[in-house]
PDB file of all heavy atoms in Angstrom:
ATOM      1  N   LEU A   1       0.826  -1.244   0.025  1.00  0.00           N
ATOM      2  CA  LEU A   1       0.076   0.015  -0.006  1.00  0.00           C
ATOM      3  C   LEU A   1       0.893   1.200   0.017  1.00  0.00           C
ATOM      4  O   LEU A   1       0.520   2.337  -0.646  1.00  0.00           O
ATOM      5  CB  LEU A   1      -0.957  -0.007   1.204  1.00  0.00           C
ATOM      6  CG  LEU A   1      -2.101  -1.031   1.127  1.00  0.00           C
ATOM      7  CD1 LEU A   1      -2.912  -1.039   2.586  1.00  0.00           C
ATOM      8  CD2 LEU A   1      -2.994  -0.770   0.025  1.00  0.00           C
ATOM      9  N   MET A   2       1.995   1.193   0.633  1.00  0.00           N
ATOM     10  CA  MET A   2       2.985   2.378   0.618  1.00  0.00           C
ATOM     11  C   MET A   2       3.433   2.669  -0.812  1.00  0.00           C
ATOM     12  O   MET A   2       3.611   3.734  -1.165  1.00  0.00           O
ATOM     13  CB  MET A   2       4.073   2.184   1.679  1.00  0.00           C
ATOM     14  CG  MET A   2       3.608   2.343   3.065  1.00  0.00           C
ATOM     15  SD  MET A   2       5.122   2.221   4.242  1.00  0.00           S
ATOM     16  CE  MET A   2       5.966   3.751   3.762  1.00  0.00           C
ATOM     17  N   ILE A   3       3.733   1.494  -1.416  1.00  0.00           N
ATOM     18  CA  ILE A   3       4.243   1.693  -2.882  1.00  0.00           C
ATOM     19  C   ILE A   3       3.207   2.306  -3.594  1.00  0.00           C
ATOM     20  O   ILE A   3       3.420   3.130  -4.577  1.00  0.00           O
ATOM     21  CB  ILE A   3       4.612   0.220  -3.455  1.00  0.00           C
ATOM     22  CG1 ILE A   3       5.894  -0.177  -2.613  1.00  0.00           C
ATOM     23  CG2 ILE A   3       4.946   0.301  -4.879  1.00  0.00           C
ATOM     24  CD1 ILE A   3       6.324  -1.662  -3.036  1.00  0.00           C
ATOM     25  N   CYS A   4       1.959   1.857  -3.469  1.00  0.00           N
ATOM     26  CA  CYS A   4       0.716   2.408  -4.246  1.00  0.00           C
ATOM     27  C   CYS A   4       0.648   3.969  -4.019  1.00  0.00           C
ATOM     28  O   CYS A   4       0.422   4.772  -4.924  1.00  0.00           O
ATOM     29  CB  CYS A   4      -0.505   1.776  -3.968  1.00  0.00           C
ATOM     30  SG  CYS A   4      -0.536   0.064  -4.425  1.00  0.00           S
ATOM     31  N   GLU A   5       0.736   4.182  -2.726  1.00  0.00           N
ATOM     32  CA  GLU A   5       0.569   5.721  -2.389  1.00  0.00           C
ATOM     33  C   GLU A   5       1.740   6.658  -3.004  1.00  0.00           C
ATOM     34  O   GLU A   5       1.443   7.623  -3.541  1.00  0.00           O
ATOM     35  CB  GLU A   5       0.676   5.753  -0.853  1.00  0.00           C
ATOM     36  CG  GLU A   5       0.508   7.182  -0.270  1.00  0.00           C
ATOM     37  CD  GLU A   5      -0.889   7.845  -0.564  1.00  0.00           C
ATOM     38  OE1 GLU A   5      -1.764   7.064  -0.536  1.00  0.00           O
ATOM     39  OE2 GLU A   5      -0.888   9.086  -0.761  1.00  0.00           O
ATOM     40  N   TYR A   6       2.971   6.044  -3.000  1.00  0.00           N
ATOM     41  CA  TYR A   6       4.169   6.808  -3.482  1.00  0.00           C
ATOM     42  C   TYR A   6       4.021   6.936  -5.058  1.00  0.00           C
ATOM     43  O   TYR A   6       4.244   7.928  -5.566  1.00  0.00           O
ATOM     44  CB  TYR A   6       5.431   6.139  -3.012  1.00  0.00           C
ATOM     45  CG  TYR A   6       6.625   6.794  -3.654  1.00  0.00           C
ATOM     46  CD1 TYR A   6       7.096   8.049  -3.239  1.00  0.00           C
ATOM     47  CD2 TYR A   6       7.379   6.156  -4.698  1.00  0.00           C
ATOM     48  CE1 TYR A   6       8.172   8.772  -3.749  1.00  0.00           C
ATOM     49  CE2 TYR A   6       8.519   6.868  -5.232  1.00  0.00           C
ATOM     50  CZ  TYR A   6       8.825   8.135  -4.786  1.00  0.00           C
ATOM     51  OH  TYR A   6       9.954   8.688  -5.272  1.00  0.00           O
ATOM     52  N   ALA A   7       3.635   5.913  -5.683  1.00  0.00           N
ATOM     53  CA  ALA A   7       3.449   5.818  -7.186  1.00  0.00           C
ATOM     54  C   ALA A   7       2.404   6.808  -7.595  1.00  0.00           C
ATOM     55  O   ALA A   7       2.487   7.583  -8.565  1.00  0.00           O
ATOM     56  CB  ALA A   7       3.114   4.410  -7.705  1.00  0.00           C
ATOM     57  N   ARG A   8       1.251   6.811  -6.825  1.00  0.00           N
ATOM     58  CA  ARG A   8       0.184   7.784  -7.135  1.00  0.00           C
ATOM     59  C   ARG A   8       0.583   9.277  -6.864  1.00  0.00           C
ATOM     60  O   ARG A   8       0.353  10.155  -7.721  1.00  0.00           O
ATOM     61  CB  ARG A   8      -1.065   7.606  -6.249  1.00  0.00           C
ATOM     62  CG  ARG A   8      -2.168   8.385  -6.543  1.00  0.00           C
ATOM     63  CD  ARG A   8      -3.246   8.480  -5.387  1.00  0.00           C
ATOM     64  NE  ARG A   8      -2.637   8.972  -4.256  1.00  0.00           N
ATOM     65  CZ  ARG A   8      -2.481  10.255  -3.952  1.00  0.00           C
ATOM     66  NH1 ARG A   8      -2.906  11.117  -4.806  1.00  0.00           N
ATOM     67  NH2 ARG A   8      -1.916  10.601  -2.835  1.00  0.00           N
ATOM     68  N   SER A   9       1.548   9.504  -5.977  1.00  0.00           N
ATOM     69  CA  SER A   9       2.045  10.859  -5.739  1.00  0.00           C
ATOM     70  C   SER A   9       2.924  11.318  -6.817  1.00  0.00           C
ATOM     71  O   SER A   9       2.985  12.536  -7.104  1.00  0.00           O
ATOM     72  CB  SER A   9       2.806  11.020  -4.305  1.00  0.00           C
ATOM     73  OG  SER A   9       4.023  10.267  -4.532  1.00  0.00           O
ATOM     74  N   LEU A  10       3.505  10.422  -7.526  1.00  0.00           N
ATOM     75  CA  LEU A  10       4.288  10.732  -8.782  1.00  0.00           C
ATOM     76  C   LEU A  10       3.512  10.753  -9.995  1.00  0.00           C
ATOM     77  O   LEU A  10       4.041  11.131 -11.129  1.00  0.00           O
ATOM     78  CB  LEU A  10       5.411   9.778  -8.908  1.00  0.00           C
ATOM     79  CG  LEU A  10       6.463   9.663  -7.771  1.00  0.00           C
ATOM     80  CD1 LEU A  10       7.565   8.599  -8.081  1.00  0.00           C
ATOM     81  CD2 LEU A  10       7.099  11.011  -7.544  1.00  0.00           C
ATOM     82  N   GLY A  11       2.236  10.458  -9.942  1.00  0.00           N
ATOM     83  CA  GLY A  11       1.446  10.456 -11.171  1.00  0.00           C
ATOM     84  C   GLY A  11       1.444   9.130 -11.966  1.00  0.00           C
ATOM     85  O   GLY A  11       1.062   9.063 -13.067  1.00  0.00           O
ATOM     86  N   HIS A  12       1.975   7.984 -11.275  1.00  0.00           N
ATOM     87  CA  HIS A  12       2.124   6.802 -11.904  1.00  0.00           C
ATOM     88  C   HIS A  12       1.141   5.790 -11.185  1.00  0.00           C
ATOM     89  O   HIS A  12       1.586   5.118 -10.219  1.00  0.00           O
ATOM     90  CB  HIS A  12       3.526   6.240 -11.764  1.00  0.00           C
ATOM     91  CG  HIS A  12       4.549   7.032 -12.533  1.00  0.00           C
ATOM     92  ND1 HIS A  12       4.510   7.176 -13.851  1.00  0.00           N
ATOM     93  CD2 HIS A  12       5.490   7.835 -12.048  1.00  0.00           C
ATOM     94  CE1 HIS A  12       5.614   7.988 -14.176  1.00  0.00           C
ATOM     95  NE2 HIS A  12       6.146   8.498 -13.082  1.00  0.00           N
ATOM     96  N   SER A  13      -0.092   5.742 -11.549  1.00  0.00           N
ATOM     97  CA  SER A  13      -1.033   4.838 -10.872  1.00  0.00           C
ATOM     98  C   SER A  13      -1.257   3.584 -11.664  1.00  0.00           C
ATOM     99  O   SER A  13      -2.098   2.855 -11.247  1.00  0.00           O
ATOM    100  CB  SER A  13      -2.395   5.552 -10.795  1.00  0.00           C
ATOM    101  OG  SER A  13      -2.894   6.026 -12.007  1.00  0.00           O
ATOM    102  N   GLY A  14      -0.573   3.200 -12.696  1.00  0.00           N
ATOM    103  CA  GLY A  14      -0.576   2.097 -13.424  1.00  0.00           C
ATOM    104  C   GLY A  14      -0.032   1.036 -12.660  1.00  0.00           C
ATOM    105  O   GLY A  14       1.017   1.201 -11.845  1.00  0.00           O
ATOM    106  N   ILE A  15      -0.533  -0.255 -12.830  1.00  0.00           N
ATOM    107  CA  ILE A  15      -0.113  -1.402 -12.126  1.00  0.00           C
ATOM    108  C   ILE A  15       1.353  -1.784 -12.548  1.00  0.00           C
ATOM    109  O   ILE A  15       2.167  -2.289 -11.756  1.00  0.00           O
ATOM    110  CB  ILE A  15      -1.007  -2.622 -12.204  1.00  0.00           C
ATOM    111  CG1 ILE A  15      -0.672  -3.790 -11.295  1.00  0.00           C
ATOM    112  CG2 ILE A  15      -1.105  -3.113 -13.731  1.00  0.00           C
ATOM    113  CD1 ILE A  15      -0.585  -3.379  -9.952  1.00  0.00           C
ATOM    114  N   GLY A  16       1.806  -1.444 -13.789  1.00  0.00           N
ATOM    115  CA  GLY A  16       3.109  -1.828 -14.223  1.00  0.00           C
ATOM    116  C   GLY A  16       4.128  -1.113 -13.385  1.00  0.00           C
ATOM    117  O   GLY A  16       5.166  -1.761 -13.023  1.00  0.00           O
ATOM    118  N   TYR A  17       4.010   0.158 -13.158  1.00  0.00           N
ATOM    119  CA  TYR A  17       4.948   1.092 -12.318  1.00  0.00           C
ATOM    120  C   TYR A  17       5.009   0.371 -10.941  1.00  0.00           C
ATOM    121  O   TYR A  17       6.120   0.249 -10.191  1.00  0.00           O
ATOM    122  CB  TYR A  17       4.581   2.439 -12.397  1.00  0.00           C
ATOM    123  CG  TYR A  17       5.611   3.297 -11.681  1.00  0.00           C
ATOM    124  CD1 TYR A  17       6.516   3.966 -12.419  1.00  0.00           C
ATOM    125  CD2 TYR A  17       5.478   3.597 -10.325  1.00  0.00           C
ATOM    126  CE1 TYR A  17       7.518   4.803 -11.896  1.00  0.00           C
ATOM    127  CE2 TYR A  17       6.478   4.440  -9.773  1.00  0.00           C
ATOM    128  CZ  TYR A  17       7.478   5.031 -10.558  1.00  0.00           C
ATOM    129  OH  TYR A  17       8.382   5.804  -9.889  1.00  0.00           O
ATOM    130  N   ILE A  18       3.803   0.146 -10.358  1.00  0.00           N
ATOM    131  CA  ILE A  18       3.874  -0.359  -8.996  1.00  0.00           C
ATOM    132  C   ILE A  18       4.468  -1.751  -8.795  1.00  0.00           C
ATOM    133  O   ILE A  18       5.315  -1.988  -7.940  1.00  0.00           O
ATOM    134  CB  ILE A  18       2.293  -0.502  -8.577  1.00  0.00           C
ATOM    135  CG1 ILE A  18       1.678   0.883  -8.428  1.00  0.00           C
ATOM    136  CG2 ILE A  18       2.225  -1.258  -7.161  1.00  0.00           C
ATOM    137  CD1 ILE A  18       0.134   0.891  -8.201  1.00  0.00           C
ATOM    138  N   VAL A  19       4.259  -2.653  -9.872  1.00  0.00           N
ATOM    139  CA  VAL A  19       4.956  -3.964  -9.817  1.00  0.00           C
ATOM    140  C   VAL A  19       6.522  -3.843  -9.903  1.00  0.00           C
ATOM    141  O   VAL A  19       7.248  -4.505  -9.277  1.00  0.00           O
ATOM    142  CB  VAL A  19       4.344  -4.862 -10.922  1.00  0.00           C
ATOM    143  CG1 VAL A  19       5.230  -6.110 -11.026  1.00  0.00           C
ATOM    144  CG2 VAL A  19       2.940  -5.213 -10.628  1.00  0.00           C
ATOM    145  N   ARG A  20       7.001  -2.965 -10.768  1.00  0.00           N
ATOM    146  CA  ARG A  20       8.439  -2.801 -11.049  1.00  0.00           C
ATOM    147  C   ARG A  20       9.041  -2.279  -9.671  1.00  0.00           C
ATOM    148  O   ARG A  20      10.107  -2.703  -9.207  1.00  0.00           O
ATOM    149  CB  ARG A  20       8.644  -1.824 -12.123  1.00  0.00           C
ATOM    150  CG  ARG A  20       8.484  -2.498 -13.529  1.00  0.00           C
ATOM    151  CD  ARG A  20       9.091  -1.597 -14.607  1.00  0.00           C
ATOM    152  NE  ARG A  20       8.416  -0.244 -14.729  1.00  0.00           N
ATOM    153  CZ  ARG A  20       7.304   0.077 -15.428  1.00  0.00           C
ATOM    154  NH1 ARG A  20       6.729  -0.913 -16.109  1.00  0.00           N
ATOM    155  NH2 ARG A  20       6.803   1.288 -15.400  1.00  0.00           N
ATOM    156  N   MET A  21       8.408  -1.352  -8.998  1.00  0.00           N
ATOM    157  CA  MET A  21       8.826  -0.840  -7.778  1.00  0.00           C
ATOM    158  C   MET A  21       8.841  -1.916  -6.641  1.00  0.00           C
ATOM    159  O   MET A  21       9.874  -2.095  -5.844  1.00  0.00           O
ATOM    160  CB  MET A  21       8.111   0.344  -7.298  1.00  0.00           C
ATOM    161  CG  MET A  21       8.666   0.932  -5.953  1.00  0.00           C
ATOM    162  SD  MET A  21       7.780   2.555  -5.490  1.00  0.00           S
ATOM    163  CE  MET A  21       8.430   3.576  -6.820  1.00  0.00           C
ATOM    164  N   ALA A  22       7.878  -2.738  -6.685  1.00  0.00           N
ATOM    165  CA  ALA A  22       7.640  -3.823  -5.734  1.00  0.00           C
ATOM    166  C   ALA A  22       8.832  -4.872  -5.949  1.00  0.00           C
ATOM    167  O   ALA A  22       9.445  -5.400  -4.958  1.00  0.00           O
ATOM    168  CB  ALA A  22       6.386  -4.524  -5.812  1.00  0.00           C
ATOM    169  N   GLU A  23       9.066  -5.189  -7.177  1.00  0.00           N
ATOM    170  CA  GLU A  23      10.197  -6.156  -7.416  1.00  0.00           C
ATOM    171  C   GLU A  23      11.525  -5.590  -7.025  1.00  0.00           C
ATOM    172  O   GLU A  23      12.370  -6.413  -6.565  1.00  0.00           O
ATOM    173  CB  GLU A  23      10.184  -6.396  -8.963  1.00  0.00           C
ATOM    174  CG  GLU A  23       8.967  -7.211  -9.493  1.00  0.00           C
ATOM    175  CD  GLU A  23       8.867  -7.261 -10.999  1.00  0.00           C
ATOM    176  OE1 GLU A  23       9.591  -6.543 -11.660  1.00  0.00           O
ATOM    177  OE2 GLU A  23       8.225  -8.183 -11.566  1.00  0.00           O
ATOM    178  N   ARG A  24      11.800  -4.266  -7.145  1.00  0.00           N
ATOM    179  CA  ARG A  24      12.979  -3.638  -6.792  1.00  0.00           C
ATOM    180  C   ARG A  24      13.142  -3.665  -5.300  1.00  0.00           C
ATOM    181  O   ARG A  24      14.137  -4.011  -4.742  1.00  0.00           O
ATOM    182  CB  ARG A  24      13.044  -2.208  -7.361  1.00  0.00           C
ATOM    183  CG  ARG A  24      14.321  -1.506  -7.001  1.00  0.00           C
ATOM    184  CD  ARG A  24      15.506  -2.017  -7.712  1.00  0.00           C
ATOM    185  NE  ARG A  24      16.744  -1.310  -7.341  1.00  0.00           N
ATOM    186  CZ  ARG A  24      17.071  -0.237  -8.162  1.00  0.00           C
ATOM    187  NH1 ARG A  24      16.437   0.153  -9.100  1.00  0.00           N
ATOM    188  NH2 ARG A  24      18.258   0.357  -7.767  1.00  0.00           N
ATOM    189  N   TRP A  25      12.008  -3.326  -4.564  1.00  0.00           N
ATOM    190  CA  TRP A  25      12.090  -3.361  -3.101  1.00  0.00           C
ATOM    191  C   TRP A  25      12.311  -4.862  -2.598  1.00  0.00           C
ATOM    192  O   TRP A  25      13.115  -5.024  -1.639  1.00  0.00           O
ATOM    193  CB  TRP A  25      10.740  -2.941  -2.631  1.00  0.00           C
ATOM    194  CG  TRP A  25      10.690  -1.422  -2.648  1.00  0.00           C
ATOM    195  CD1 TRP A  25      11.312  -0.571  -3.654  1.00  0.00           C
ATOM    196  CD2 TRP A  25       9.903  -0.451  -1.774  1.00  0.00           C
ATOM    197  NE1 TRP A  25      10.877   0.784  -3.276  1.00  0.00           N
ATOM    198  CE2 TRP A  25      10.142   0.784  -2.258  1.00  0.00           C
ATOM    199  CE3 TRP A  25       9.088  -0.653  -0.668  1.00  0.00           C
ATOM    200  CZ2 TRP A  25       9.479   1.896  -1.565  1.00  0.00           C
ATOM    201  CZ3 TRP A  25       8.451   0.371  -0.099  1.00  0.00           C
ATOM    202  CH2 TRP A  25       8.660   1.741  -0.605  1.00  0.00           C
ATOM    203  N   ALA A  26      11.706  -5.847  -3.294  1.00  0.00           N
ATOM    204  CA  ALA A  26      11.855  -7.206  -2.844  1.00  0.00           C
ATOM    205  C   ALA A  26      13.372  -7.621  -3.026  1.00  0.00           C
ATOM    206  O   ALA A  26      13.912  -8.331  -2.258  1.00  0.00           O
ATOM    207  CB  ALA A  26      10.944  -8.118  -3.536  1.00  0.00           C
ATOM    208  N   GLN A  27      13.915  -7.129  -4.192  1.00  0.00           N
ATOM    209  CA  GLN A  27      15.320  -7.455  -4.429  1.00  0.00           C
ATOM    210  C   GLN A  27      16.296  -6.920  -3.351  1.00  0.00           C
ATOM    211  O   GLN A  27      17.335  -7.477  -2.951  1.00  0.00           O
ATOM    212  CB  GLN A  27      15.711  -7.116  -5.852  1.00  0.00           C
ATOM    213  CG  GLN A  27      17.120  -7.487  -6.339  1.00  0.00           C
ATOM    214  CD  GLN A  27      17.206  -8.929  -6.616  1.00  0.00           C
ATOM    215  OE1 GLN A  27      16.283  -9.564  -6.664  1.00  0.00           O
ATOM    216  NE2 GLN A  27      18.542  -9.381  -6.450  1.00  0.00           N
ATOM    217  N   ASP A  28      15.969  -5.698  -2.932  1.00  0.00           N
ATOM    218  CA  ASP A  28      16.757  -4.999  -2.049  1.00  0.00           C
ATOM    219  C   ASP A  28      16.473  -5.290  -0.571  1.00  0.00           C
ATOM    220  O   ASP A  28      17.096  -4.820   0.463  1.00  0.00           O
ATOM    221  CB  ASP A  28      16.558  -3.398  -2.019  1.00  0.00           C
ATOM    222  CG  ASP A  28      17.061  -2.956  -3.395  1.00  0.00           C
ATOM    223  OD1 ASP A  28      17.863  -3.572  -4.092  1.00  0.00           O
ATOM    224  OD2 ASP A  28      16.642  -1.820  -3.877  1.00  0.00           O
ATOM    225  N   GLY A  29      15.503  -6.313  -0.317  1.00  0.00           N
ATOM    226  CA  GLY A  29      15.178  -6.753   0.947  1.00  0.00           C
ATOM    227  C   GLY A  29      14.377  -5.807   1.860  1.00  0.00           C
ATOM    228  O   GLY A  29      14.359  -5.993   3.111  1.00  0.00           O
ATOM    229  N   ILE A  30      13.590  -4.973   1.260  1.00  0.00           N
ATOM    230  CA  ILE A  30      12.721  -4.061   1.926  1.00  0.00           C
ATOM    231  C   ILE A  30      11.338  -4.765   2.220  1.00  0.00           C
ATOM    232  O   ILE A  30      10.560  -4.687   1.255  1.00  0.00           O
ATOM    233  CB  ILE A  30      12.589  -2.744   1.167  1.00  0.00           C
ATOM    234  CG1 ILE A  30      13.942  -2.023   0.958  1.00  0.00           C
ATOM    235  CG2 ILE A  30      11.594  -1.758   1.893  1.00  0.00           C
ATOM    236  CD1 ILE A  30      13.952  -0.876   0.105  1.00  0.00           C
ATOM    237  N   THR A  31      11.235  -5.144   3.344  1.00  0.00           N
ATOM    238  CA  THR A  31       9.988  -6.023   3.556  1.00  0.00           C
ATOM    239  C   THR A  31       9.222  -5.434   4.761  1.00  0.00           C
ATOM    240  O   THR A  31       8.016  -5.773   4.956  1.00  0.00           O
ATOM    241  CB  THR A  31      10.308  -7.489   3.895  1.00  0.00           C
ATOM    242  OG1 THR A  31      11.258  -7.578   4.875  1.00  0.00           O
ATOM    243  CG2 THR A  31      10.850  -8.094   2.550  1.00  0.00           C
ATOM    244  N   THR A  32       9.861  -4.571   5.654  1.00  0.00           N
ATOM    245  CA  THR A  32       9.139  -4.096   6.846  1.00  0.00           C
ATOM    246  C   THR A  32       8.828  -2.711   6.670  1.00  0.00           C
ATOM    247  O   THR A  32       9.289  -1.997   5.725  1.00  0.00           O
ATOM    248  CB  THR A  32      10.101  -4.264   8.012  1.00  0.00           C
ATOM    249  OG1 THR A  32      11.226  -3.337   7.816  1.00  0.00           O
ATOM    250  CG2 THR A  32      10.635  -5.637   8.299  1.00  0.00           C
ATOM    251  N   LEU A  33       7.940  -2.060   7.511  1.00  0.00           N
ATOM    252  CA  LEU A  33       7.480  -0.693   7.407  1.00  0.00           C
ATOM    253  C   LEU A  33       8.635   0.230   7.718  1.00  0.00           C
ATOM    254  O   LEU A  33       8.665   1.279   7.061  1.00  0.00           O
ATOM    255  CB  LEU A  33       6.397  -0.524   8.404  1.00  0.00           C
ATOM    256  CG  LEU A  33       4.940  -0.930   8.051  1.00  0.00           C
ATOM    257  CD1 LEU A  33       3.929  -0.779   9.125  1.00  0.00           C
ATOM    258  CD2 LEU A  33       4.562  -0.290   6.737  1.00  0.00           C
ATOM    259  N   GLU A  34       9.514  -0.100   8.634  1.00  0.00           N
ATOM    260  CA  GLU A  34      10.671   0.742   8.919  1.00  0.00           C
ATOM    261  C   GLU A  34      11.510   0.879   7.612  1.00  0.00           C
ATOM    262  O   GLU A  34      12.004   1.977   7.342  1.00  0.00           O
ATOM    263  CB  GLU A  34      11.522   0.139  10.127  1.00  0.00           C
ATOM    264  CG  GLU A  34      10.709   0.106  11.329  1.00  0.00           C
ATOM    265  CD  GLU A  34       9.754  -0.866  11.575  1.00  0.00           C
ATOM    266  OE1 GLU A  34       9.746  -1.788  10.614  1.00  0.00           O
ATOM    267  OE2 GLU A  34       8.945  -0.749  12.584  1.00  0.00           O
ATOM    268  N   ASP A  35      11.891  -0.297   6.991  1.00  0.00           N
ATOM    269  CA  ASP A  35      12.677  -0.160   5.807  1.00  0.00           C
ATOM    270  C   ASP A  35      11.881   0.642   4.625  1.00  0.00           C
ATOM    271  O   ASP A  35      12.583   1.401   4.041  1.00  0.00           O
ATOM    272  CB  ASP A  35      12.956  -1.524   5.297  1.00  0.00           C
ATOM    273  CG  ASP A  35      13.861  -2.283   6.233  1.00  0.00           C
ATOM    274  OD1 ASP A  35      14.627  -1.654   7.125  1.00  0.00           O
ATOM    275  OD2 ASP A  35      13.847  -3.571   6.191  1.00  0.00           O
ATOM    276  N   ALA A  36      10.558   0.402   4.537  1.00  0.00           N
ATOM    277  CA  ALA A  36       9.791   1.133   3.562  1.00  0.00           C
ATOM    278  C   ALA A  36       9.857   2.565   3.871  1.00  0.00           C
ATOM    279  O   ALA A  36       9.925   3.450   2.939  1.00  0.00           O
ATOM    280  CB  ALA A  36       8.402   0.605   3.568  1.00  0.00           C
ATOM    281  N   ASN A  37       9.676   3.068   5.118  1.00  0.00           N
ATOM    282  CA  ASN A  37       9.613   4.464   5.451  1.00  0.00           C
ATOM    283  C   ASN A  37      11.020   5.093   5.061  1.00  0.00           C
ATOM    284  O   ASN A  37      11.033   6.220   4.539  1.00  0.00           O
ATOM    285  CB  ASN A  37       9.254   4.702   6.920  1.00  0.00           C
ATOM    286  CG  ASN A  37       7.842   4.515   7.188  1.00  0.00           C
ATOM    287  OD1 ASN A  37       7.029   4.918   6.354  1.00  0.00           O
ATOM    288  ND2 ASN A  37       7.418   3.853   8.288  1.00  0.00           N
ATOM    289  N   ALA A  38      12.091   4.337   5.406  1.00  0.00           N
ATOM    290  CA  ALA A  38      13.388   4.856   5.207  1.00  0.00           C
ATOM    291  C   ALA A  38      13.639   4.956   3.591  1.00  0.00           C
ATOM    292  O   ALA A  38      14.210   5.895   3.051  1.00  0.00           O
ATOM    293  CB  ALA A  38      14.507   3.943   5.695  1.00  0.00           C
ATOM    294  N   ARG A  39      13.108   4.035   2.798  1.00  0.00           N
ATOM    295  CA  ARG A  39      13.245   4.156   1.320  1.00  0.00           C
ATOM    296  C   ARG A  39      12.421   5.216   0.680  1.00  0.00           C
ATOM    297  O   ARG A  39      12.948   5.954  -0.108  1.00  0.00           O
ATOM    298  CB  ARG A  39      12.932   2.793   0.696  1.00  0.00           C
ATOM    299  CG  ARG A  39      12.893   2.794  -0.853  1.00  0.00           C
ATOM    300  CD  ARG A  39      14.306   3.107  -1.457  1.00  0.00           C
ATOM    301  NE  ARG A  39      15.256   2.312  -1.235  1.00  0.00           N
ATOM    302  CZ  ARG A  39      15.633   1.214  -1.962  1.00  0.00           C
ATOM    303  NH1 ARG A  39      14.917   0.916  -3.030  1.00  0.00           N
ATOM    304  NH2 ARG A  39      16.607   0.399  -1.645  1.00  0.00           N
TER     305      ARG A  39
END
């Protein structure tokens, strides 16, 4: 949901942008709210 909120703030509400960011976060090990807030 944080990824969706950030993508919408940039004007990217498409699911493709959201998925690419989610894949990048998963690769970087960002799985908790603390890590997400820092990113």
